[in-house]
N, C-alpha and C. Protein backbone atom coordinates (compact mmCIF):
# COMPACT_ATOMS: atom_id res chain seq x y z
N MET A 1 46.44 21.47 6.69
CA MET A 1 46.12 20.09 6.73
C MET A 1 45.07 19.80 5.53
N ASN A 2 45.40 18.91 4.80
CA ASN A 2 44.40 18.43 3.61
C ASN A 2 43.24 18.00 3.83
N LYS A 3 42.14 18.03 3.44
CA LYS A 3 40.81 17.43 3.79
C LYS A 3 40.65 16.84 2.91
N PRO A 4 40.08 15.16 2.90
CA PRO A 4 39.57 14.26 1.71
C PRO A 4 38.29 15.17 1.13
N PRO A 5 38.44 14.89 -0.24
CA PRO A 5 36.95 15.08 -0.78
C PRO A 5 35.70 14.59 -0.34
N SER A 6 34.60 15.22 -0.35
CA SER A 6 33.26 14.94 0.32
C SER A 6 32.91 13.75 -0.65
N VAL A 7 32.05 12.94 0.02
CA VAL A 7 31.39 12.25 -1.02
C VAL A 7 30.79 12.55 -2.08
N ASP A 8 30.31 13.83 -1.73
CA ASP A 8 29.35 14.61 -2.79
C ASP A 8 30.38 14.79 -4.03
N GLN A 9 31.49 15.06 -4.07
CA GLN A 9 32.46 15.10 -5.24
C GLN A 9 33.09 13.77 -5.85
N ALA A 10 32.65 12.85 -4.97
CA ALA A 10 33.52 11.46 -5.24
C ALA A 10 32.82 10.92 -6.53
N PRO A 11 33.32 10.09 -7.34
CA PRO A 11 33.12 9.35 -8.42
C PRO A 11 31.80 8.52 -8.09
N LEU A 12 30.90 8.21 -9.08
CA LEU A 12 29.46 7.82 -9.01
C LEU A 12 29.57 6.34 -8.09
N HIS A 13 30.67 5.69 -8.59
CA HIS A 13 30.65 4.40 -7.82
C HIS A 13 31.12 4.23 -6.54
N ILE A 14 31.63 5.50 -6.10
CA ILE A 14 32.00 5.63 -4.48
C ILE A 14 30.88 5.86 -3.76
N LYS A 15 30.14 6.89 -4.70
CA LYS A 15 28.70 7.35 -3.85
C LYS A 15 27.79 6.09 -3.76
N LEU A 16 27.84 5.10 -4.79
CA LEU A 16 26.94 4.20 -4.50
C LEU A 16 27.15 3.23 -3.48
N ALA A 17 28.32 2.84 -3.42
CA ALA A 17 28.97 2.18 -2.39
C ALA A 17 28.67 2.58 -1.06
N VAL A 18 28.76 3.74 -0.83
CA VAL A 18 28.50 4.60 0.54
C VAL A 18 26.85 4.50 0.83
N ASP A 19 26.34 4.95 -0.43
CA ASP A 19 24.64 4.34 -0.17
C ASP A 19 24.41 3.08 -0.10
N LEU A 20 25.03 2.05 -0.51
CA LEU A 20 24.52 0.47 -0.40
C LEU A 20 24.95 0.22 1.38
N ILE A 21 26.19 0.86 1.52
CA ILE A 21 26.75 0.44 3.09
C ILE A 21 25.74 1.00 4.16
N MET A 22 25.23 2.32 3.92
CA MET A 22 24.36 2.68 4.87
C MET A 22 22.99 2.12 5.19
N LEU A 23 22.28 1.95 3.70
CA LEU A 23 21.11 0.98 3.76
C LEU A 23 21.37 0.07 4.30
N LEU A 24 22.31 -1.03 4.11
CA LEU A 24 22.66 -2.46 4.97
C LEU A 24 22.63 -2.21 6.25
N GLU A 25 23.31 -1.05 6.85
CA GLU A 25 23.53 -1.10 8.20
C GLU A 25 22.22 -0.68 8.76
N GLN A 26 21.70 0.37 8.16
CA GLN A 26 20.70 0.86 8.68
C GLN A 26 19.52 -0.52 8.73
N HIS A 27 19.67 -1.47 7.95
CA HIS A 27 18.61 -2.56 8.20
C HIS A 27 19.29 -3.62 8.95
N GLU A 28 20.51 -3.47 9.52
CA GLU A 28 21.41 -4.47 10.31
C GLU A 28 21.44 -5.66 9.35
N VAL A 29 21.77 -5.67 8.36
CA VAL A 29 21.66 -6.79 7.66
C VAL A 29 23.08 -7.62 8.12
N PRO A 30 22.88 -9.02 8.37
CA PRO A 30 24.05 -9.76 9.07
C PRO A 30 25.29 -9.66 7.80
N PRO A 31 26.50 -9.39 8.35
CA PRO A 31 27.54 -9.38 7.17
C PRO A 31 27.69 -10.55 6.21
N GLN A 32 27.59 -11.63 6.72
CA GLN A 32 27.49 -12.82 5.71
C GLN A 32 26.28 -12.87 4.74
N GLN A 33 25.20 -12.46 5.11
CA GLN A 33 24.11 -12.21 4.18
C GLN A 33 24.38 -11.19 3.08
N VAL A 34 25.05 -10.16 3.58
CA VAL A 34 25.51 -8.90 2.70
C VAL A 34 26.33 -9.75 1.60
N LEU A 35 27.52 -10.43 2.24
CA LEU A 35 28.57 -10.85 1.21
C LEU A 35 27.73 -11.82 0.15
N ASP A 36 27.09 -12.87 0.69
CA ASP A 36 26.57 -13.59 -0.01
C ASP A 36 25.40 -13.10 -1.46
N ALA A 37 24.79 -11.93 -0.88
CA ALA A 37 23.94 -11.12 -1.77
C ALA A 37 24.75 -10.39 -2.77
N LEU A 38 25.85 -9.95 -2.49
CA LEU A 38 26.79 -9.19 -3.36
C LEU A 38 27.32 -9.89 -4.28
N GLU A 39 27.61 -11.31 -4.23
CA GLU A 39 28.05 -12.28 -4.84
C GLU A 39 27.50 -12.49 -6.11
N ILE A 40 26.07 -12.65 -5.65
CA ILE A 40 24.96 -12.81 -6.92
C ILE A 40 24.81 -11.30 -7.34
N VAL A 41 24.78 -10.29 -7.15
CA VAL A 41 24.95 -9.29 -7.76
C VAL A 41 25.91 -9.14 -8.57
N LYS A 42 27.08 -9.38 -8.06
CA LYS A 42 28.52 -9.15 -8.99
C LYS A 42 28.03 -10.16 -10.06
N GLN A 43 27.89 -11.41 -9.89
CA GLN A 43 27.77 -12.34 -11.23
C GLN A 43 26.76 -11.91 -11.97
N ASP A 44 25.97 -11.36 -11.68
CA ASP A 44 24.61 -10.72 -12.41
C ASP A 44 25.10 -9.68 -13.56
N TYR A 45 25.99 -8.64 -12.65
CA TYR A 45 26.74 -7.35 -13.47
C TYR A 45 27.89 -7.99 -14.25
N GLN A 46 28.29 -8.76 -14.06
CA GLN A 46 29.31 -9.32 -14.74
C GLN A 46 28.75 -9.70 -16.13
N GLN A 47 27.64 -10.47 -16.03
CA GLN A 47 27.09 -11.16 -17.14
C GLN A 47 26.31 -9.76 -17.92
N LYS A 48 25.94 -9.30 -17.43
CA LYS A 48 25.36 -8.05 -18.25
C LYS A 48 26.40 -7.32 -18.98
N ALA A 49 27.55 -7.03 -18.23
CA ALA A 49 28.96 -6.38 -18.71
C ALA A 49 29.52 -7.31 -19.88
N GLY A 50 29.21 -8.44 -20.02
CA GLY A 50 30.03 -9.43 -20.74
C GLY A 50 31.17 -9.67 -20.22
N LEU A 51 31.21 -9.91 -19.21
CA LEU A 51 32.48 -10.28 -18.34
C LEU A 51 32.37 -11.69 -17.71
N GLU A 52 31.01 -12.46 -17.97
CA GLU A 52 31.07 -13.47 -17.26
C GLU A 52 32.00 -14.48 -17.23
N LEU A 53 32.64 -14.85 -15.98
CA LEU A 53 33.34 -15.90 -15.55
C LEU A 53 33.06 -17.19 -15.78
N GLU A 54 34.07 -18.14 -15.38
CA GLU A 54 33.38 -19.55 -15.44
C GLU A 54 33.43 -20.03 -13.83
């Protein structure tokens, strides 16, 4: 049986996503607040990357 690679071997963006999910779950942040905050973070990083959308 093939076993999926561990998170330790995953690309950095996957590790970051797993860490963020764990942090948010540990602090019991409500899903809608997480989504609202992630939209702000996404917009900020799109701007930093020169990908700002109208």
